[in-house]
N, C-alpha and C. Protein backbone atom coordinates (compact mmCIF):
# COMPACT_ATOMS: atom_id res chain seq x y z
N MET A 1 -0.03 18.04 18.23
CA MET A 1 1.00 17.16 17.75
C MET A 1 0.44 16.30 16.61
N PHE A 2 1.18 16.21 15.52
CA PHE A 2 0.78 15.35 14.42
C PHE A 2 2.02 14.79 13.77
N PRO A 3 1.90 13.64 13.10
CA PRO A 3 3.07 12.99 12.52
C PRO A 3 3.69 13.80 11.40
N LEU A 4 4.99 13.63 11.23
CA LEU A 4 5.74 14.34 10.21
C LEU A 4 5.40 13.85 8.81
N VAL A 5 5.09 12.58 8.67
CA VAL A 5 4.87 11.99 7.36
C VAL A 5 3.57 12.55 6.77
N PRO A 6 3.64 13.27 5.64
CA PRO A 6 2.44 13.85 5.05
C PRO A 6 1.67 12.82 4.24
N ALA A 7 0.52 13.24 3.71
CA ALA A 7 -0.21 12.37 2.80
C ALA A 7 0.68 12.15 1.58
N TYR A 8 0.65 10.99 1.01
CA TYR A 8 1.57 10.66 -0.06
C TYR A 8 0.79 10.19 -1.28
N PRO A 9 1.40 10.23 -2.47
CA PRO A 9 0.69 9.88 -3.69
C PRO A 9 0.24 8.43 -3.77
N GLY A 10 0.85 7.52 -3.03
CA GLY A 10 0.46 6.11 -3.08
C GLY A 10 -0.64 5.76 -2.11
N CYS A 11 -1.22 6.76 -1.49
CA CYS A 11 -2.28 6.56 -0.51
C CYS A 11 -3.53 6.04 -1.21
N PRO A 12 -4.17 4.97 -0.69
CA PRO A 12 -5.36 4.44 -1.33
C PRO A 12 -6.41 5.53 -1.51
N GLY A 13 -6.99 5.57 -2.68
CA GLY A 13 -8.00 6.58 -2.96
C GLY A 13 -7.43 7.84 -3.58
N SER A 14 -6.10 7.95 -3.65
CA SER A 14 -5.51 9.15 -4.23
C SER A 14 -5.63 9.11 -5.76
N LYS A 15 -5.49 10.26 -6.37
CA LYS A 15 -5.60 10.35 -7.82
C LYS A 15 -4.54 9.50 -8.52
N ALA A 16 -3.34 9.47 -7.96
CA ALA A 16 -2.25 8.71 -8.58
C ALA A 16 -2.58 7.22 -8.62
N VAL A 17 -3.14 6.70 -7.54
CA VAL A 17 -3.49 5.28 -7.50
C VAL A 17 -4.63 4.99 -8.46
N LYS A 18 -5.63 5.86 -8.49
CA LYS A 18 -6.77 5.65 -9.38
C LYS A 18 -6.33 5.67 -10.84
N ARG A 19 -5.42 6.59 -11.18
CA ARG A 19 -4.91 6.65 -12.55
C ARG A 19 -4.12 5.39 -12.89
N SER A 20 -3.32 4.92 -11.93
CA SER A 20 -2.54 3.70 -12.17
C SER A 20 -3.44 2.50 -12.40
N LEU A 21 -4.51 2.40 -11.60
CA LEU A 21 -5.46 1.29 -11.76
C LEU A 21 -6.13 1.36 -13.13
N LEU A 22 -6.54 2.56 -13.52
CA LEU A 22 -7.20 2.72 -14.82
C LEU A 22 -6.25 2.36 -15.96
N LEU A 23 -5.02 2.84 -15.87
CA LEU A 23 -4.04 2.54 -16.91
C LEU A 23 -3.77 1.04 -17.00
N LEU A 24 -3.63 0.38 -15.86
CA LEU A 24 -3.40 -1.06 -15.86
C LEU A 24 -4.56 -1.80 -16.51
N LEU A 25 -5.79 -1.41 -16.18
CA LEU A 25 -6.95 -2.07 -16.76
C LEU A 25 -7.01 -1.85 -18.27
N LEU A 26 -6.71 -0.65 -18.72
CA LEU A 26 -6.71 -0.38 -20.15
C LEU A 26 -5.64 -1.19 -20.87
N LEU A 27 -4.45 -1.29 -20.28
CA LEU A 27 -3.38 -2.07 -20.89
C LEU A 27 -3.71 -3.56 -20.95
N VAL A 28 -4.33 -4.07 -19.89
CA VAL A 28 -4.71 -5.49 -19.86
C VAL A 28 -5.74 -5.76 -20.95
N ARG A 29 -6.71 -4.87 -21.08
CA ARG A 29 -7.73 -5.05 -22.13
C ARG A 29 -7.10 -4.99 -23.51
N TRP A 30 -6.17 -4.06 -23.70
CA TRP A 30 -5.50 -3.91 -24.99
C TRP A 30 -4.69 -5.17 -25.32
N MET A 31 -3.98 -5.72 -24.32
CA MET A 31 -3.17 -6.91 -24.54
C MET A 31 -4.03 -8.13 -24.87
N CYS A 32 -5.24 -8.19 -24.31
CA CYS A 32 -6.13 -9.31 -24.59
C CYS A 32 -6.94 -9.09 -25.87
N GLY A 33 -6.90 -7.89 -26.41
CA GLY A 33 -7.66 -7.58 -27.61
C GLY A 33 -9.16 -7.47 -27.35
N ILE A 34 -9.50 -7.02 -26.14
CA ILE A 34 -10.91 -6.92 -25.75
C ILE A 34 -11.24 -5.45 -25.52
N LYS A 35 -12.38 -5.03 -26.06
CA LYS A 35 -12.83 -3.65 -25.90
C LYS A 35 -13.77 -3.54 -24.71
N LEU A 36 -13.97 -2.32 -24.24
CA LEU A 36 -14.86 -2.11 -23.10
C LEU A 36 -16.28 -2.59 -23.39
N LYS A 37 -16.73 -2.41 -24.63
CA LYS A 37 -18.10 -2.79 -24.95
C LYS A 37 -18.30 -4.32 -24.97
N ASP A 38 -17.20 -5.10 -24.96
CA ASP A 38 -17.31 -6.55 -24.86
C ASP A 38 -17.72 -7.01 -23.46
N ARG A 39 -17.58 -6.12 -22.47
CA ARG A 39 -18.05 -6.32 -21.10
C ARG A 39 -17.47 -7.57 -20.43
N PHE A 40 -16.15 -7.73 -20.50
CA PHE A 40 -15.45 -8.79 -19.78
C PHE A 40 -15.02 -8.23 -18.43
N PRO A 41 -15.13 -8.99 -17.36
CA PRO A 41 -14.65 -8.50 -16.06
C PRO A 41 -13.12 -8.35 -16.07
N SER A 42 -12.66 -7.28 -15.48
CA SER A 42 -11.22 -7.00 -15.44
C SER A 42 -10.47 -8.09 -14.68
N LYS A 43 -11.07 -8.60 -13.62
CA LYS A 43 -10.43 -9.64 -12.82
C LYS A 43 -10.13 -10.87 -13.67
N GLU A 44 -11.09 -11.24 -14.50
CA GLU A 44 -10.92 -12.40 -15.37
C GLU A 44 -9.78 -12.18 -16.37
N LEU A 45 -9.68 -10.97 -16.90
CA LEU A 45 -8.61 -10.65 -17.85
C LEU A 45 -7.24 -10.67 -17.18
N ARG A 46 -7.16 -10.13 -15.95
CA ARG A 46 -5.89 -10.14 -15.21
C ARG A 46 -5.46 -11.57 -14.92
N GLU A 47 -6.41 -12.43 -14.57
CA GLU A 47 -6.07 -13.83 -14.30
C GLU A 47 -5.59 -14.52 -15.57
N ARG A 48 -6.19 -14.18 -16.69
CA ARG A 48 -5.79 -14.77 -17.97
C ARG A 48 -4.34 -14.43 -18.29
N LEU A 49 -3.92 -13.21 -17.98
CA LEU A 49 -2.54 -12.78 -18.25
C LEU A 49 -1.58 -13.06 -17.10
N GLY A 50 -2.12 -13.39 -15.93
CA GLY A 50 -1.27 -13.63 -14.77
C GLY A 50 -0.72 -12.35 -14.17
N VAL A 51 -1.51 -11.27 -14.24
CA VAL A 51 -1.09 -9.97 -13.73
C VAL A 51 -1.77 -9.73 -12.39
N ASP A 52 -0.98 -9.34 -11.39
CA ASP A 52 -1.55 -9.00 -10.08
C ASP A 52 -2.19 -7.64 -10.13
N ASP A 53 -3.11 -7.41 -9.20
CA ASP A 53 -3.74 -6.11 -9.07
C ASP A 53 -2.70 -5.11 -8.58
N ILE A 54 -2.72 -3.90 -9.13
CA ILE A 54 -1.72 -2.91 -8.75
C ILE A 54 -1.87 -2.50 -7.30
N ALA A 55 -3.10 -2.54 -6.77
CA ALA A 55 -3.31 -2.21 -5.36
C ALA A 55 -2.60 -3.23 -4.47
N LEU A 56 -2.59 -4.50 -4.87
CA LEU A 56 -1.89 -5.55 -4.14
C LEU A 56 -0.39 -5.29 -4.15
N ILE A 57 0.13 -4.90 -5.29
CA ILE A 57 1.56 -4.62 -5.41
C ILE A 57 1.95 -3.44 -4.52
N LEU A 58 1.13 -2.40 -4.52
CA LEU A 58 1.39 -1.24 -3.66
C LEU A 58 1.37 -1.64 -2.19
N GLN A 59 0.40 -2.48 -1.81
CA GLN A 59 0.32 -2.92 -0.42
C GLN A 59 1.55 -3.74 -0.04
N GLN A 60 1.98 -4.64 -0.91
CA GLN A 60 3.16 -5.45 -0.62
C GLN A 60 4.39 -4.56 -0.46
N ASN A 61 4.54 -3.56 -1.32
CA ASN A 61 5.69 -2.66 -1.22
C ASN A 61 5.66 -1.83 0.05
N ARG A 62 4.48 -1.37 0.46
CA ARG A 62 4.36 -0.62 1.71
C ARG A 62 4.77 -1.49 2.89
N LEU A 63 4.25 -2.72 2.94
CA LEU A 63 4.57 -3.62 4.05
C LEU A 63 6.05 -4.01 4.05
N HIS A 64 6.61 -4.19 2.86
CA HIS A 64 8.04 -4.52 2.75
C HIS A 64 8.88 -3.39 3.34
N TRP A 65 8.60 -2.16 2.97
CA TRP A 65 9.37 -1.01 3.48
C TRP A 65 9.14 -0.83 4.98
N TYR A 66 7.92 -1.01 5.44
CA TYR A 66 7.60 -0.86 6.86
C TYR A 66 8.41 -1.86 7.70
N GLY A 67 8.46 -3.11 7.25
CA GLY A 67 9.26 -4.11 7.96
C GLY A 67 10.73 -3.75 7.97
N HIS A 68 11.22 -3.21 6.85
CA HIS A 68 12.62 -2.79 6.76
C HIS A 68 12.93 -1.71 7.78
N VAL A 69 12.04 -0.73 7.88
CA VAL A 69 12.25 0.38 8.82
C VAL A 69 12.16 -0.11 10.26
N LEU A 70 11.22 -1.01 10.56
CA LEU A 70 11.08 -1.51 11.93
C LEU A 70 12.31 -2.28 12.38
N ARG A 71 13.00 -2.95 11.46
CA ARG A 71 14.19 -3.71 11.82
C ARG A 71 15.44 -2.85 11.99
N LYS A 72 15.37 -1.59 11.61
CA LYS A 72 16.52 -0.69 11.76
C LYS A 72 16.78 -0.38 13.23
N ASP A 73 17.98 0.14 13.51
CA ASP A 73 18.32 0.54 14.88
C ASP A 73 17.41 1.69 15.31
N ASP A 74 17.22 1.80 16.64
CA ASP A 74 16.36 2.87 17.16
C ASP A 74 16.93 4.26 16.93
N ASP A 75 18.26 4.36 16.79
CA ASP A 75 18.86 5.68 16.58
C ASP A 75 19.02 6.02 15.10
N ASP A 76 18.52 5.20 14.19
CA ASP A 76 18.59 5.48 12.76
C ASP A 76 17.64 6.62 12.41
N TRP A 77 18.07 7.51 11.52
CA TRP A 77 17.28 8.71 11.21
C TRP A 77 15.96 8.37 10.51
N VAL A 78 15.92 7.28 9.73
CA VAL A 78 14.68 6.91 9.04
C VAL A 78 13.63 6.50 10.07
N LYS A 79 14.03 5.73 11.05
CA LYS A 79 13.09 5.29 12.08
C LYS A 79 12.65 6.46 12.93
N LYS A 80 13.56 7.38 13.20
CA LYS A 80 13.20 8.57 13.97
C LYS A 80 12.18 9.42 13.22
N CYS A 81 12.36 9.54 11.91
CA CYS A 81 11.43 10.33 11.10
C CYS A 81 10.03 9.72 11.10
N MET A 82 9.97 8.39 11.10
CA MET A 82 8.67 7.72 11.09
C MET A 82 7.91 7.98 12.37
N GLU A 83 8.62 8.14 13.47
CA GLU A 83 7.96 8.30 14.77
C GLU A 83 7.96 9.74 15.26
N TYR A 84 8.49 10.67 14.46
CA TYR A 84 8.57 12.07 14.86
C TYR A 84 7.19 12.72 14.83
N GLU A 85 6.90 13.52 15.84
CA GLU A 85 5.63 14.25 15.90
C GLU A 85 5.94 15.74 15.82
N VAL A 86 5.28 16.43 14.91
CA VAL A 86 5.49 17.86 14.73
C VAL A 86 4.57 18.60 15.68
N GLU A 87 5.12 19.61 16.33
CA GLU A 87 4.31 20.41 17.24
C GLU A 87 3.60 21.49 16.44
N GLY A 88 2.46 21.89 16.93
CA GLY A 88 1.71 22.94 16.27
C GLY A 88 0.29 22.47 15.98
N SER A 89 -0.46 23.37 15.40
CA SER A 89 -1.87 23.04 15.13
C SER A 89 -2.04 22.62 13.68
N ARG A 90 -3.04 21.81 13.47
CA ARG A 90 -3.37 21.35 12.13
C ARG A 90 -4.29 22.38 11.47
N PRO A 91 -4.32 22.35 10.15
CA PRO A 91 -5.29 23.20 9.46
C PRO A 91 -6.70 22.67 9.67
N ARG A 92 -7.69 23.49 9.35
CA ARG A 92 -9.08 23.09 9.51
C ARG A 92 -9.43 21.94 8.58
N GLY A 93 -10.47 21.22 8.96
CA GLY A 93 -10.96 20.14 8.11
C GLY A 93 -10.40 18.79 8.50
N ARG A 94 -10.83 17.79 7.75
CA ARG A 94 -10.39 16.43 8.02
C ARG A 94 -8.94 16.28 7.60
N PRO A 95 -8.10 15.70 8.44
CA PRO A 95 -6.69 15.51 8.07
C PRO A 95 -6.54 14.48 6.96
N LYS A 96 -5.53 14.67 6.12
CA LYS A 96 -5.25 13.72 5.05
C LYS A 96 -4.67 12.45 5.66
N ARG A 97 -4.91 11.33 4.98
CA ARG A 97 -4.37 10.06 5.46
C ARG A 97 -2.87 10.05 5.28
N THR A 98 -2.18 9.57 6.29
CA THR A 98 -0.73 9.51 6.22
C THR A 98 -0.30 8.09 5.86
N TRP A 99 0.97 7.98 5.48
CA TRP A 99 1.54 6.68 5.13
C TRP A 99 1.44 5.74 6.32
N LYS A 100 1.71 6.25 7.50
CA LYS A 100 1.70 5.41 8.70
C LYS A 100 0.30 4.87 8.99
N GLU A 101 -0.73 5.68 8.76
CA GLU A 101 -2.10 5.21 8.96
C GLU A 101 -2.46 4.10 7.98
N VAL A 102 -2.06 4.26 6.73
CA VAL A 102 -2.37 3.27 5.70
C VAL A 102 -1.65 1.97 6.00
N VAL A 103 -0.38 2.05 6.41
CA VAL A 103 0.37 0.84 6.74
C VAL A 103 -0.24 0.15 7.96
N GLY A 104 -0.70 0.95 8.92
CA GLY A 104 -1.37 0.38 10.08
C GLY A 104 -2.62 -0.40 9.69
N GLU A 105 -3.38 0.15 8.73
CA GLU A 105 -4.57 -0.55 8.24
C GLU A 105 -4.19 -1.83 7.49
N ASP A 106 -3.10 -1.76 6.71
CA ASP A 106 -2.63 -2.95 6.00
C ASP A 106 -2.24 -4.04 6.99
N CYS A 107 -1.52 -3.66 8.04
CA CYS A 107 -1.09 -4.64 9.06
C CYS A 107 -2.30 -5.20 9.81
N GLN A 108 -3.26 -4.34 10.12
CA GLN A 108 -4.45 -4.79 10.84
C GLN A 108 -5.24 -5.77 9.98
N ALA A 109 -5.35 -5.50 8.69
CA ALA A 109 -6.09 -6.39 7.79
C ALA A 109 -5.40 -7.75 7.68
N ARG A 110 -4.07 -7.78 7.79
CA ARG A 110 -3.30 -9.03 7.67
C ARG A 110 -2.97 -9.64 9.02
N LYS A 111 -3.45 -8.99 10.11
CA LYS A 111 -3.18 -9.45 11.48
C LYS A 111 -1.68 -9.54 11.75
N LEU A 112 -0.96 -8.50 11.35
CA LEU A 112 0.49 -8.42 11.57
C LEU A 112 0.77 -7.43 12.69
N ASN A 113 1.89 -7.63 13.37
CA ASN A 113 2.31 -6.66 14.38
C ASN A 113 3.81 -6.42 14.25
N LYS A 114 4.33 -5.52 15.09
CA LYS A 114 5.74 -5.14 14.99
C LYS A 114 6.67 -6.32 15.27
N GLU A 115 6.26 -7.22 16.13
CA GLU A 115 7.12 -8.36 16.47
C GLU A 115 7.29 -9.30 15.26
N ASP A 116 6.26 -9.39 14.43
CA ASP A 116 6.36 -10.22 13.22
C ASP A 116 7.43 -9.69 12.27
N ALA A 117 7.59 -8.38 12.23
CA ALA A 117 8.56 -7.77 11.31
C ALA A 117 10.00 -8.09 11.70
N MET A 118 10.24 -8.41 12.95
CA MET A 118 11.60 -8.69 13.40
C MET A 118 12.14 -10.01 12.84
N ASP A 119 11.25 -10.92 12.50
CA ASP A 119 11.65 -12.19 11.87
C ASP A 119 11.54 -12.01 10.36
N LEU A 120 12.67 -11.75 9.71
CA LEU A 120 12.71 -11.40 8.30
C LEU A 120 12.10 -12.48 7.41
N CYS A 121 12.44 -13.73 7.66
CA CYS A 121 11.92 -14.83 6.81
C CYS A 121 10.40 -14.92 6.90
N LYS A 122 9.88 -14.84 8.11
CA LYS A 122 8.43 -14.91 8.30
C LYS A 122 7.75 -13.72 7.64
N TRP A 123 8.32 -12.51 7.82
CA TRP A 123 7.73 -11.29 7.27
C TRP A 123 7.67 -11.36 5.74
N ARG A 124 8.76 -11.81 5.12
CA ARG A 124 8.79 -11.92 3.66
C ARG A 124 7.75 -12.92 3.17
N LYS A 125 7.65 -14.04 3.87
CA LYS A 125 6.69 -15.08 3.46
C LYS A 125 5.26 -14.56 3.56
N VAL A 126 4.96 -13.87 4.66
CA VAL A 126 3.61 -13.34 4.85
C VAL A 126 3.28 -12.31 3.77
N ILE A 127 4.23 -11.45 3.44
CA ILE A 127 3.99 -10.41 2.45
C ILE A 127 3.84 -11.00 1.06
N LYS A 128 4.64 -11.99 0.71
CA LYS A 128 4.54 -12.61 -0.62
C LYS A 128 3.24 -13.39 -0.78
N ASP A 129 2.74 -13.96 0.33
CA ASP A 129 1.51 -14.76 0.28
C ASP A 129 0.25 -13.90 0.34
N VAL A 130 0.42 -12.60 0.43
CA VAL A 130 -0.73 -11.71 0.57
C VAL A 130 -1.57 -11.77 -0.70
N ARG A 131 -2.84 -11.93 -0.53
CA ARG A 131 -3.80 -11.82 -1.62
C ARG A 131 -4.71 -10.64 -1.31
N TRP A 132 -5.04 -9.87 -2.29
CA TRP A 132 -5.76 -8.63 -2.10
C TRP A 132 -7.15 -8.88 -1.55
N THR A 133 -7.48 -8.22 -0.43
CA THR A 133 -8.82 -8.30 0.15
C THR A 133 -9.52 -6.96 0.13
N GLY A 134 -8.84 -5.94 -0.39
CA GLY A 134 -9.43 -4.60 -0.43
C GLY A 134 -9.01 -3.80 0.77
N TRP A 135 -9.21 -2.51 0.67
CA TRP A 135 -8.87 -1.63 1.78
C TRP A 135 -9.95 -1.70 2.82
N VAL A 136 -9.52 -1.55 4.07
CA VAL A 136 -10.45 -1.60 5.19
C VAL A 136 -11.25 -0.33 5.24
């Protein structure tokens, strides 16, 4: 038995996320008029422009959607899909990270649980106040 939700492009460490991070850093440097050989830290440049880290934005969006799904009725098809387990055997090798695993790590890093998601005001406040601490 394994979850229905496959590995997704927004999974930390995926090529799509790495490309997005690289593109953001290049754009920030271009907007500040600083070249790579000037050796300015990217964090300092992002703070200068007031731009959040793209990994933080992805984490906030994942947690926002997760809270939305948890608040849905138990008979809703989206919630059923999130908890559906496919029967059968997995292919050889290490399994790819799923969306649910990544969200679980995000919640664990922020010390959030399912009961917190039921209070919409609290959940929104916690997600907006999130500051990036890196992936676990």
